[in-house]
Amino acid sequence: MENKLLEGTKILIVEDDSSSKLYLNKILEKTGVKLLNADNGKEAVDIALENPDIDIVLMDLQLPVMDGYTSAKKIREFRNNIIIIAQTAYGLFGDQKKIMESGFNDFIIKPIYSQNLIDKLVANLNKKHPVY
């Protein structure tokens, strides 16, 4: 499952569950992306500050220290052009509306399937950098 469209993209995975983090890393390693990881929302903000070349943040919403909503808002304060995608177990319309109003570009509902994740990342990159 290689996808050269993501090759070289720098992605920050923000996930406090170690098995979920390992799963996401394993999927994305096969695509040639550069990966960074954070265990909580505050760490995500700090890493985003230190790495202005991050293209995408894949953010869990239920995080210790600082939740995903708050950390997305803080990242937006200094990186308005970054793609931030929420990972959530909640797919209800009200939840989706709150996610989009909180500064996320998109969301993906758990459980996350590998091809759905790759398609979602490629689609968001194409929105930011259209290929003609």
C-alpha atoms as a PDB file:
ATOM      1  CA  MET A   1       0.000   0.000   0.000  1.00  0.00           C
ATOM      2  CA  GLU A   2       2.361   2.672  -1.153  1.00  0.00           C
ATOM      3  CA  ASN A   3       1.170   6.128  -1.950  1.00  0.00           C
ATOM      4  CA  LYS A   4       3.743   8.420  -3.476  1.00  0.00           C
ATOM      5  CA  LEU A   5       1.336  11.357  -3.205  1.00  0.00           C
ATOM      6  CA  LEU A   6       2.185  11.639   0.505  1.00  0.00           C
ATOM      7  CA  GLU A   7       5.937  11.098   0.134  1.00  0.00           C
ATOM      8  CA  GLY A   8       7.919  13.805   1.923  1.00  0.00           C
ATOM      9  CA  THR A   9       4.871  15.178   3.752  1.00  0.00           C
ATOM     10  CA  LYS A  10       5.579  15.972   7.412  1.00  0.00           C
ATOM     11  CA  ILE A  11       2.823  14.732   9.718  1.00  0.00           C
ATOM     12  CA  LEU A  12       2.425  15.206  13.465  1.00  0.00           C
ATOM     13  CA  ILE A  13       0.409  12.403  15.073  1.00  0.00           C
ATOM     14  CA  VAL A  14      -1.165  13.489  18.367  1.00  0.00           C
ATOM     15  CA  GLU A  15      -2.413  10.407  20.186  1.00  0.00           C
ATOM     16  CA  ASP A  16      -2.187   9.377  23.839  1.00  0.00           C
ATOM     17  CA  ASP A  17      -3.171   5.737  23.302  1.00  0.00           C
ATOM     18  CA  SER A  18       0.044   3.843  22.537  1.00  0.00           C
ATOM     19  CA  SER A  19      -1.560   1.100  20.426  1.00  0.00           C
ATOM     20  CA  SER A  20      -3.449   3.676  18.313  1.00  0.00           C
ATOM     21  CA  LYS A  21      -0.258   5.693  17.890  1.00  0.00           C
ATOM     22  CA  LEU A  22       1.683   2.600  16.818  1.00  0.00           C
ATOM     23  CA  TYR A  23      -1.090   1.662  14.364  1.00  0.00           C
ATOM     24  CA  LEU A  24      -1.109   5.126  12.745  1.00  0.00           C
ATOM     25  CA  ASN A  25       2.683   5.187  12.540  1.00  0.00           C
ATOM     26  CA  LYS A  26       2.775   1.757  10.879  1.00  0.00           C
ATOM     27  CA  ILE A  27       0.219   2.806   8.238  1.00  0.00           C
ATOM     28  CA  LEU A  28       1.957   6.074   7.444  1.00  0.00           C
ATOM     29  CA  GLU A  29       5.555   4.777   7.472  1.00  0.00           C
ATOM     30  CA  LYS A  30       4.738   2.879   4.270  1.00  0.00           C
ATOM     31  CA  THR A  31       3.870   6.104   2.425  1.00  0.00           C
ATOM     32  CA  GLY A  32       7.247   7.849   2.755  1.00  0.00           C
ATOM     33  CA  VAL A  33       6.040  10.597   5.094  1.00  0.00           C
ATOM     34  CA  LYS A  34       8.128  12.161   7.853  1.00  0.00           C
ATOM     35  CA  LEU A  35       6.498  11.473  11.211  1.00  0.00           C
ATOM     36  CA  LEU A  36       6.500  13.285  14.535  1.00  0.00           C
ATOM     37  CA  ASN A  37       4.518  12.165  17.579  1.00  0.00           C
ATOM     38  CA  ALA A  38       2.972  13.889  20.588  1.00  0.00           C
ATOM     39  CA  ASP A  39       1.260  12.271  23.582  1.00  0.00           C
ATOM     40  CA  ASN A  40      -0.873  15.238  24.643  1.00  0.00           C
ATOM     41  CA  GLY A  41      -2.228  18.536  23.389  1.00  0.00           C
ATOM     42  CA  LYS A  42       0.393  20.748  25.026  1.00  0.00           C
ATOM     43  CA  GLU A  43       3.204  18.688  23.533  1.00  0.00           C
ATOM     44  CA  ALA A  44       1.489  18.995  20.121  1.00  0.00           C
ATOM     45  CA  VAL A  45       1.465  22.795  20.376  1.00  0.00           C
ATOM     46  CA  ASP A  46       5.143  22.835  21.387  1.00  0.00           C
ATOM     47  CA  ILE A  47       6.162  20.514  18.529  1.00  0.00           C
ATOM     48  CA  ALA A  48       4.169  22.574  16.007  1.00  0.00           C
ATOM     49  CA  LEU A  49       5.950  25.716  17.243  1.00  0.00           C
ATOM     50  CA  GLU A  50       9.372  24.071  16.904  1.00  0.00           C
ATOM     51  CA  ASN A  51       8.642  22.575  13.449  1.00  0.00           C
ATOM     52  CA  PRO A  52       7.167  25.184  11.101  1.00  0.00           C
ATOM     53  CA  ASP A  53       7.459  22.709   8.200  1.00  0.00           C
ATOM     54  CA  ILE A  54       4.738  20.360   9.500  1.00  0.00           C
ATOM     55  CA  ASP A  55       2.132  19.906   6.763  1.00  0.00           C
ATOM     56  CA  ILE A  56      -0.569  17.981   8.638  1.00  0.00           C
ATOM     57  CA  VAL A  57      -1.560  17.423  12.257  1.00  0.00           C
ATOM     58  CA  LEU A  58      -3.589  14.274  12.917  1.00  0.00           C
ATOM     59  CA  MET A  59      -5.153  15.178  16.286  1.00  0.00           C
ATOM     60  CA  ASP A  60      -7.044  12.994  18.713  1.00  0.00           C
ATOM     61  CA  LEU A  61      -9.690  15.024  20.538  1.00  0.00           C
ATOM     62  CA  GLN A  62      -9.621  13.272  23.918  1.00  0.00           C
ATOM     63  CA  LEU A  63      -6.115  14.092  25.152  1.00  0.00           C
ATOM     64  CA  PRO A  64      -4.519  14.603  28.557  1.00  0.00           C
ATOM     65  CA  VAL A  65      -3.052  17.960  29.660  1.00  0.00           C
ATOM     66  CA  MET A  66      -4.789  19.894  26.833  1.00  0.00           C
ATOM     67  CA  ASP A  67      -7.621  18.511  24.703  1.00  0.00           C
ATOM     68  CA  GLY A  68      -7.548  18.412  20.908  1.00  0.00           C
ATOM     69  CA  TYR A  69      -9.966  21.323  20.488  1.00  0.00           C
ATOM     70  CA  THR A  70      -7.832  23.656  22.603  1.00  0.00           C
ATOM     71  CA  SER A  71      -4.542  22.582  21.053  1.00  0.00           C
ATOM     72  CA  ALA A  72      -5.939  23.024  17.517  1.00  0.00           C
ATOM     73  CA  LYS A  73      -7.005  26.576  18.392  1.00  0.00           C
ATOM     74  CA  LYS A  74      -3.568  27.341  19.857  1.00  0.00           C
ATOM     75  CA  ILE A  75      -1.775  25.938  16.789  1.00  0.00           C
ATOM     76  CA  ARG A  76      -4.029  28.059  14.544  1.00  0.00           C
ATOM     77  CA  GLU A  77      -2.801  31.187  16.379  1.00  0.00           C
ATOM     78  CA  PHE A  78       0.654  30.791  14.812  1.00  0.00           C
ATOM     79  CA  ARG A  79       0.065  28.369  11.897  1.00  0.00           C
ATOM     80  CA  ASN A  80      -3.091  29.382  10.092  1.00  0.00           C
ATOM     81  CA  ASN A  81      -2.208  27.438   6.928  1.00  0.00           C
ATOM     82  CA  ILE A  82      -1.522  24.034   8.520  1.00  0.00           C
ATOM     83  CA  ILE A  83      -3.931  21.148   7.875  1.00  0.00           C
ATOM     84  CA  ILE A  84      -5.406  19.848  11.138  1.00  0.00           C
ATOM     85  CA  ILE A  85      -7.504  16.676  10.990  1.00  0.00           C
ATOM     86  CA  ALA A  86      -9.416  15.494  14.059  1.00  0.00           C
ATOM     87  CA  GLN A  87      -9.541  11.817  14.977  1.00  0.00           C
ATOM     88  CA  THR A  88     -12.720  11.035  16.845  1.00  0.00           C
ATOM     89  CA  ALA A  89     -14.843   8.116  17.943  1.00  0.00           C
ATOM     90  CA  TYR A  90     -17.898  10.368  17.720  1.00  0.00           C
ATOM     91  CA  GLY A  91     -19.515  10.761  14.322  1.00  0.00           C
ATOM     92  CA  LEU A  92     -22.710  12.542  15.298  1.00  0.00           C
ATOM     93  CA  PHE A  93     -23.652  15.644  13.315  1.00  0.00           C
ATOM     94  CA  GLY A  94     -23.345  17.927  16.372  1.00  0.00           C
ATOM     95  CA  ASP A  95     -19.855  16.601  17.041  1.00  0.00           C
ATOM     96  CA  GLN A  96     -18.839  17.124  13.410  1.00  0.00           C
ATOM     97  CA  LYS A  97     -20.134  20.697  13.516  1.00  0.00           C
ATOM     98  CA  LYS A  98     -18.173  21.424  16.713  1.00  0.00           C
ATOM     99  CA  ILE A  99     -15.012  19.963  15.153  1.00  0.00           C
ATOM    100  CA  MET A 100     -15.274  22.114  12.036  1.00  0.00           C
ATOM    101  CA  GLU A 101     -16.086  25.240  14.070  1.00  0.00           C
ATOM    102  CA  SER A 102     -13.036  24.619  16.273  1.00  0.00           C
ATOM    103  CA  GLY A 103     -10.525  25.222  13.489  1.00  0.00           C
ATOM    104  CA  PHE A 104     -10.073  21.723  12.112  1.00  0.00           C
ATOM    105  CA  ASN A 105      -9.901  21.276   8.341  1.00  0.00           C
ATOM    106  CA  ASP A 106     -11.459  17.835   8.465  1.00  0.00           C
ATOM    107  CA  PHE A 107     -12.082  14.804  10.672  1.00  0.00           C
ATOM    108  CA  ILE A 108     -11.800  11.035  10.491  1.00  0.00           C
ATOM    109  CA  ILE A 109     -13.956   8.709  12.549  1.00  0.00           C
ATOM    110  CA  LYS A 110     -12.457   5.852  14.555  1.00  0.00           C
ATOM    111  CA  PRO A 111     -11.868   3.033  13.945  1.00  0.00           C
ATOM    112  CA  ILE A 112      -9.495   4.352  11.310  1.00  0.00           C
ATOM    113  CA  TYR A 113      -8.915   2.142   8.287  1.00  0.00           C
ATOM    114  CA  SER A 114      -5.607   2.512   6.488  1.00  0.00           C
ATOM    115  CA  GLN A 115      -6.907   3.357   3.009  1.00  0.00           C
ATOM    116  CA  ASN A 116      -9.490   5.799   4.418  1.00  0.00           C
ATOM    117  CA  LEU A 117      -6.722   7.579   6.314  1.00  0.00           C
ATOM    118  CA  ILE A 118      -4.473   7.847   3.272  1.00  0.00           C
ATOM    119  CA  ASP A 119      -7.363   9.033   1.083  1.00  0.00           C
ATOM    120  CA  LYS A 120      -8.293  11.673   3.683  1.00  0.00           C
ATOM    121  CA  LEU A 121      -4.706  12.967   3.920  1.00  0.00           C
ATOM    122  CA  VAL A 122      -4.275  13.102   0.127  1.00  0.00           C
ATOM    123  CA  ALA A 123      -7.628  14.867  -0.318  1.00  0.00           C
ATOM    124  CA  ASN A 124      -6.687  17.547   2.215  1.00  0.00           C
ATOM    125  CA  LEU A 125      -3.271  18.077   0.658  1.00  0.00           C
ATOM    126  CA  ASN A 126      -4.901  18.398  -2.763  1.00  0.00           C
ATOM    127  CA  LYS A 127      -7.295  21.042  -1.402  1.00  0.00           C
ATOM    128  CA  LYS A 128      -4.314  23.017  -0.122  1.00  0.00           C
ATOM    129  CA  HIS A 129      -2.119  22.431  -3.200  1.00  0.00           C
ATOM    130  CA  PRO A 130      -4.389  21.583  -6.151  1.00  0.00           C
ATOM    131  CA  VAL A 131      -2.833  19.475  -8.879  1.00  0.00           C
ATOM    132  CA  TYR A 132      -3.764  20.719 -12.371  1.00  0.00           C
END
